[in-house]
């Protein structure tokens, strides 16, 4: 099975939709339910694909300053899509588990 070549806009929409479904599954069941963990992992896969496909020129990582249970990156868009300026959050720990150090350094915006 071949992965579709989603456009930047389509991939961002998919990430947002999966993120909403994940949050709903956590509310309806529990965070450790198989549905919730599958949706969380799917969101991560789509975010990694977004970064690897469109990284640095159209998307980048920025540390999210908001209070959270663990440190987060915001997957930011260089140009907004609709009213969106990001493609949700990814825990720093998860980004480190799924990206090489070189990729992380390349994707993190230090401005």
N, C-alpha and C. Protein backbone atom coordinates (compact mmCIF):
# COMPACT_ATOMS: atom_id res chain seq x y z
N UNK A 1 0.83 -1.18 0.00
CA UNK A 1 0.00 0.00 0.00
C UNK A 1 0.88 1.24 0.00
N UNK A 2 0.59 2.16 -0.88
CA UNK A 2 1.37 3.38 -1.00
C UNK A 2 0.69 4.51 -0.25
N UNK A 3 1.49 5.31 0.46
CA UNK A 3 0.94 6.47 1.14
C UNK A 3 0.58 7.52 0.12
N UNK A 4 -0.53 8.19 0.34
CA UNK A 4 -0.91 9.25 -0.58
C UNK A 4 0.02 10.45 -0.40
N UNK A 5 0.17 11.20 -1.46
CA UNK A 5 0.97 12.42 -1.41
C UNK A 5 0.06 13.57 -1.05
N UNK A 6 -0.23 13.72 0.23
CA UNK A 6 -1.12 14.77 0.69
C UNK A 6 -0.44 16.13 0.55
N UNK A 7 -1.25 17.12 0.20
CA UNK A 7 -0.74 18.47 0.16
C UNK A 7 -0.51 18.95 1.59
N UNK A 8 0.21 20.02 1.74
CA UNK A 8 0.45 20.60 3.05
C UNK A 8 -0.88 20.89 3.74
N UNK A 9 -1.79 21.53 3.04
CA UNK A 9 -3.09 21.87 3.62
C UNK A 9 -3.86 20.63 4.04
N UNK A 10 -3.87 19.60 3.20
CA UNK A 10 -4.60 18.37 3.52
C UNK A 10 -3.99 17.67 4.74
N UNK A 11 -2.68 17.62 4.80
CA UNK A 11 -2.01 16.97 5.92
C UNK A 11 -2.28 17.71 7.23
N UNK A 12 -2.28 19.02 7.19
CA UNK A 12 -2.59 19.81 8.39
C UNK A 12 -4.03 19.54 8.83
N UNK A 13 -4.96 19.51 7.89
CA UNK A 13 -6.36 19.21 8.22
C UNK A 13 -6.49 17.83 8.85
N UNK A 14 -5.75 16.85 8.33
CA UNK A 14 -5.79 15.50 8.88
C UNK A 14 -5.26 15.48 10.31
N UNK A 15 -4.18 16.19 10.56
CA UNK A 15 -3.59 16.24 11.90
C UNK A 15 -4.58 16.85 12.88
N UNK A 16 -5.22 17.92 12.48
CA UNK A 16 -6.19 18.59 13.35
C UNK A 16 -7.38 17.67 13.63
N UNK A 17 -7.88 17.00 12.60
CA UNK A 17 -9.02 16.09 12.77
C UNK A 17 -8.66 14.93 13.69
N UNK A 18 -7.49 14.33 13.50
CA UNK A 18 -7.07 13.21 14.33
C UNK A 18 -6.86 13.68 15.78
N UNK A 19 -6.32 14.89 15.95
CA UNK A 19 -6.12 15.42 17.29
C UNK A 19 -7.45 15.59 18.02
N UNK A 20 -8.46 16.11 17.31
CA UNK A 20 -9.78 16.26 17.92
C UNK A 20 -10.38 14.90 18.27
N UNK A 21 -10.23 13.94 17.38
CA UNK A 21 -10.74 12.58 17.65
C UNK A 21 -10.02 11.96 18.85
N UNK A 22 -8.72 12.17 18.95
CA UNK A 22 -7.93 11.65 20.07
C UNK A 22 -8.44 12.23 21.40
N UNK A 23 -8.63 13.56 21.42
CA UNK A 23 -9.12 14.19 22.65
C UNK A 23 -10.51 13.67 23.02
N UNK A 24 -11.35 13.48 22.04
CA UNK A 24 -12.70 12.95 22.29
C UNK A 24 -12.62 11.52 22.83
N UNK A 25 -11.74 10.70 22.25
CA UNK A 25 -11.58 9.32 22.72
C UNK A 25 -11.08 9.30 24.16
N UNK A 26 -10.19 10.23 24.50
CA UNK A 26 -9.70 10.31 25.88
C UNK A 26 -10.83 10.68 26.84
N UNK A 27 -11.71 11.59 26.40
CA UNK A 27 -12.84 12.00 27.23
C UNK A 27 -13.88 10.89 27.38
N UNK A 28 -14.15 10.18 26.28
CA UNK A 28 -15.19 9.15 26.30
C UNK A 28 -14.73 7.87 26.98
N UNK A 29 -13.49 7.52 26.79
CA UNK A 29 -12.97 6.28 27.35
C UNK A 29 -11.93 6.64 28.40
N UNK A 30 -10.71 6.46 28.08
CA UNK A 30 -9.62 6.92 28.94
C UNK A 30 -8.39 7.08 28.07
N UNK A 31 -7.42 7.81 28.58
CA UNK A 31 -6.23 8.13 27.80
C UNK A 31 -5.46 6.88 27.39
N UNK A 32 -5.56 5.81 28.16
CA UNK A 32 -4.82 4.59 27.86
C UNK A 32 -5.62 3.58 27.05
N UNK A 33 -6.84 3.95 26.63
CA UNK A 33 -7.63 3.03 25.81
C UNK A 33 -6.93 2.80 24.48
N UNK A 34 -7.20 1.67 23.87
CA UNK A 34 -6.53 1.35 22.60
C UNK A 34 -6.90 2.36 21.52
N UNK A 35 -8.14 2.83 21.50
CA UNK A 35 -8.54 3.83 20.51
C UNK A 35 -7.77 5.13 20.72
N UNK A 36 -7.68 5.58 21.94
CA UNK A 36 -6.98 6.84 22.23
C UNK A 36 -5.50 6.73 21.88
N UNK A 37 -4.85 5.63 22.24
CA UNK A 37 -3.42 5.50 21.95
C UNK A 37 -3.17 5.37 20.44
N UNK A 38 -4.07 4.70 19.73
CA UNK A 38 -3.93 4.58 18.28
C UNK A 38 -4.06 5.95 17.61
N UNK A 39 -5.03 6.73 18.05
CA UNK A 39 -5.21 8.07 17.47
C UNK A 39 -4.03 8.98 17.81
N UNK A 40 -3.53 8.90 19.03
CA UNK A 40 -2.36 9.69 19.42
C UNK A 40 -1.17 9.33 18.55
N UNK A 41 -0.95 8.03 18.34
CA UNK A 41 0.18 7.60 17.52
C UNK A 41 0.01 8.00 16.05
N UNK A 42 -1.23 7.96 15.55
CA UNK A 42 -1.50 8.39 14.18
C UNK A 42 -1.20 9.88 14.02
N UNK A 43 -1.59 10.67 15.00
CA UNK A 43 -1.30 12.11 14.96
C UNK A 43 0.21 12.34 14.91
N UNK A 44 0.94 11.61 15.73
CA UNK A 44 2.39 11.75 15.74
C UNK A 44 2.99 11.39 14.38
N UNK A 45 2.54 10.28 13.80
CA UNK A 45 3.04 9.85 12.49
C UNK A 45 2.79 10.93 11.43
N UNK A 46 1.60 11.52 11.46
CA UNK A 46 1.27 12.56 10.49
C UNK A 46 2.11 13.82 10.72
N UNK A 47 2.37 14.15 11.98
CA UNK A 47 3.20 15.32 12.27
C UNK A 47 4.64 15.09 11.82
N UNK A 48 5.16 13.90 12.04
CA UNK A 48 6.52 13.58 11.60
C UNK A 48 6.59 13.64 10.07
N UNK A 49 5.59 13.09 9.41
CA UNK A 49 5.53 13.15 7.95
C UNK A 49 5.47 14.60 7.46
N UNK A 50 4.69 15.42 8.13
CA UNK A 50 4.60 16.84 7.79
C UNK A 50 5.97 17.49 7.89
N UNK A 51 6.66 17.24 8.99
CA UNK A 51 7.98 17.83 9.18
C UNK A 51 8.98 17.32 8.14
N UNK A 52 8.97 16.02 7.88
CA UNK A 52 9.93 15.46 6.93
C UNK A 52 9.64 15.89 5.49
N UNK A 53 8.38 16.14 5.17
CA UNK A 53 8.02 16.52 3.82
C UNK A 53 8.14 18.03 3.59
N UNK A 54 7.72 18.82 4.57
CA UNK A 54 7.65 20.26 4.38
C UNK A 54 8.53 21.04 5.35
N UNK A 55 9.39 20.32 6.10
CA UNK A 55 10.20 20.93 7.15
C UNK A 55 11.12 22.02 6.67
N UNK A 56 11.28 22.99 7.47
CA UNK A 56 12.06 24.22 7.41
C UNK A 56 11.50 25.25 6.44
N UNK A 57 11.05 24.85 5.26
CA UNK A 57 10.54 25.85 4.32
C UNK A 57 9.10 26.25 4.63
N UNK A 58 8.28 25.30 5.11
CA UNK A 58 6.87 25.59 5.35
C UNK A 58 6.40 25.28 6.76
N UNK A 59 7.12 24.43 7.49
CA UNK A 59 6.79 24.11 8.88
C UNK A 59 8.07 24.02 9.70
N UNK A 60 7.93 24.25 11.00
CA UNK A 60 9.08 24.16 11.90
C UNK A 60 8.57 23.86 13.31
N UNK A 61 9.49 23.55 14.20
CA UNK A 61 9.17 23.29 15.60
C UNK A 61 9.56 24.51 16.45
N UNK A 62 8.71 24.83 17.40
CA UNK A 62 9.01 25.89 18.37
C UNK A 62 8.57 25.40 19.74
N UNK A 63 9.37 25.66 20.74
CA UNK A 63 9.00 25.27 22.09
C UNK A 63 7.75 26.04 22.48
N UNK A 64 6.76 25.32 22.99
CA UNK A 64 5.51 25.94 23.41
C UNK A 64 5.66 26.39 24.85
N UNK A 65 5.47 27.68 25.11
CA UNK A 65 5.67 28.18 26.47
C UNK A 65 4.52 27.90 27.44
N UNK A 66 3.42 27.37 26.94
CA UNK A 66 2.24 27.13 27.79
C UNK A 66 2.54 26.06 28.84
N UNK A 67 1.90 26.20 29.99
CA UNK A 67 2.02 25.19 31.04
C UNK A 67 1.40 23.89 30.57
N UNK A 68 2.10 22.80 30.77
CA UNK A 68 1.60 21.49 30.36
C UNK A 68 2.20 20.44 31.27
N UNK A 69 1.66 19.23 31.18
CA UNK A 69 2.18 18.14 32.02
C UNK A 69 3.59 17.73 31.60
N UNK A 70 3.97 18.04 30.36
CA UNK A 70 5.33 17.80 29.90
C UNK A 70 5.67 18.85 28.85
N UNK A 71 6.97 19.11 28.61
CA UNK A 71 7.36 20.12 27.62
C UNK A 71 6.88 19.73 26.21
N UNK A 72 6.41 20.74 25.48
CA UNK A 72 5.86 20.51 24.15
C UNK A 72 6.53 21.38 23.09
N UNK A 73 6.55 20.84 21.88
CA UNK A 73 6.83 21.66 20.70
C UNK A 73 5.50 21.98 20.06
N UNK A 74 5.42 23.14 19.47
CA UNK A 74 4.31 23.48 18.60
C UNK A 74 4.81 23.25 17.18
N UNK A 75 4.04 22.54 16.36
CA UNK A 75 4.40 22.34 14.96
C UNK A 75 3.82 23.53 14.22
N UNK A 76 4.66 24.51 13.94
CA UNK A 76 4.21 25.79 13.40
C UNK A 76 4.27 25.85 11.88
N UNK A 77 3.32 26.59 11.34
CA UNK A 77 3.26 26.82 9.90
C UNK A 77 3.87 28.19 9.60
N UNK A 78 4.69 28.27 8.59
CA UNK A 78 5.30 29.56 8.23
C UNK A 78 4.25 30.49 7.63
N UNK A 79 3.25 29.93 6.99
CA UNK A 79 2.14 30.71 6.42
C UNK A 79 0.85 30.04 6.88
N UNK A 80 -0.07 30.82 7.43
CA UNK A 80 -1.29 30.24 7.97
C UNK A 80 -2.11 29.55 6.90
N UNK A 81 -2.82 28.54 7.34
CA UNK A 81 -3.77 27.80 6.49
C UNK A 81 -5.13 28.06 7.12
N UNK A 82 -5.97 28.80 6.41
CA UNK A 82 -7.22 29.24 7.03
C UNK A 82 -6.85 30.13 8.20
N UNK A 83 -7.37 29.81 9.35
CA UNK A 83 -7.03 30.58 10.55
C UNK A 83 -6.01 29.84 11.42
N UNK A 84 -5.40 28.79 10.88
CA UNK A 84 -4.45 27.98 11.64
C UNK A 84 -3.02 28.44 11.40
N UNK A 85 -2.26 28.55 12.49
CA UNK A 85 -0.84 28.87 12.38
C UNK A 85 0.03 27.71 12.87
N UNK A 86 -0.64 26.62 13.26
CA UNK A 86 0.11 25.45 13.73
C UNK A 86 -0.63 24.16 13.37
N UNK A 87 0.11 23.07 13.49
CA UNK A 87 -0.46 21.73 13.27
C UNK A 87 -0.37 20.96 14.59
N UNK A 88 -0.95 21.57 15.61
CA UNK A 88 -1.05 20.99 16.95
C UNK A 88 0.31 20.90 17.64
N UNK A 89 0.35 20.19 18.75
CA UNK A 89 1.56 20.05 19.57
C UNK A 89 2.07 18.63 19.53
N UNK A 90 3.36 18.52 19.80
CA UNK A 90 3.99 17.21 19.94
C UNK A 90 4.91 17.29 21.15
N UNK A 91 4.80 16.35 22.08
CA UNK A 91 5.70 16.38 23.23
C UNK A 91 7.17 16.31 22.77
N UNK A 92 8.02 17.06 23.42
CA UNK A 92 9.45 17.07 23.07
C UNK A 92 10.00 15.65 23.14
N UNK A 93 9.60 14.91 24.15
CA UNK A 93 10.05 13.52 24.31
C UNK A 93 9.69 12.69 23.08
N UNK A 94 8.48 12.85 22.56
CA UNK A 94 8.02 12.09 21.40
C UNK A 94 8.79 12.50 20.15
N UNK A 95 9.02 13.79 20.00
CA UNK A 95 9.82 14.27 18.85
C UNK A 95 11.22 13.67 18.90
N UNK A 96 11.82 13.62 20.08
CA UNK A 96 13.17 13.05 20.24
C UNK A 96 13.18 11.55 19.94
N UNK A 97 12.08 10.86 20.24
CA UNK A 97 12.00 9.42 19.96
C UNK A 97 11.82 9.13 18.48
N UNK A 98 11.25 10.08 17.72
CA UNK A 98 10.89 9.83 16.33
C UNK A 98 11.74 10.55 15.30
N UNK A 99 12.57 11.47 15.74
CA UNK A 99 13.43 12.22 14.83
C UNK A 99 14.88 12.12 15.29
N UNK A 100 15.77 12.15 14.34
CA UNK A 100 17.20 12.14 14.68
C UNK A 100 17.58 13.50 15.27
N UNK A 101 18.70 13.55 15.94
CA UNK A 101 19.20 14.82 16.50
C UNK A 101 19.41 15.84 15.39
N UNK A 102 19.93 15.37 14.26
CA UNK A 102 20.16 16.27 13.12
C UNK A 102 18.85 16.84 12.61
N UNK A 103 17.82 15.99 12.49
CA UNK A 103 16.51 16.47 12.04
C UNK A 103 15.92 17.47 13.05
N UNK A 104 16.01 17.14 14.33
CA UNK A 104 15.49 18.06 15.35
C UNK A 104 16.16 19.42 15.24
N UNK A 105 17.48 19.42 15.13
CA UNK A 105 18.22 20.67 15.02
C UNK A 105 17.80 21.45 13.77
N UNK A 106 17.52 20.74 12.71
CA UNK A 106 17.11 21.37 11.46
C UNK A 106 15.70 21.96 11.56
N UNK A 107 14.81 21.27 12.25
CA UNK A 107 13.41 21.69 12.32
C UNK A 107 13.12 22.73 13.39
N UNK A 108 13.96 22.83 14.42
CA UNK A 108 13.72 23.78 15.49
C UNK A 108 14.10 25.17 15.02
N UNK A 109 13.13 26.09 15.15
CA UNK A 109 13.36 27.47 14.77
C UNK A 109 13.95 28.19 15.96
N UNK A 110 15.15 28.69 15.82
CA UNK A 110 15.84 29.33 16.94
C UNK A 110 15.71 30.84 16.93
N UNK A 111 14.79 31.37 16.19
CA UNK A 111 14.61 32.83 16.13
C UNK A 111 13.84 33.33 17.33
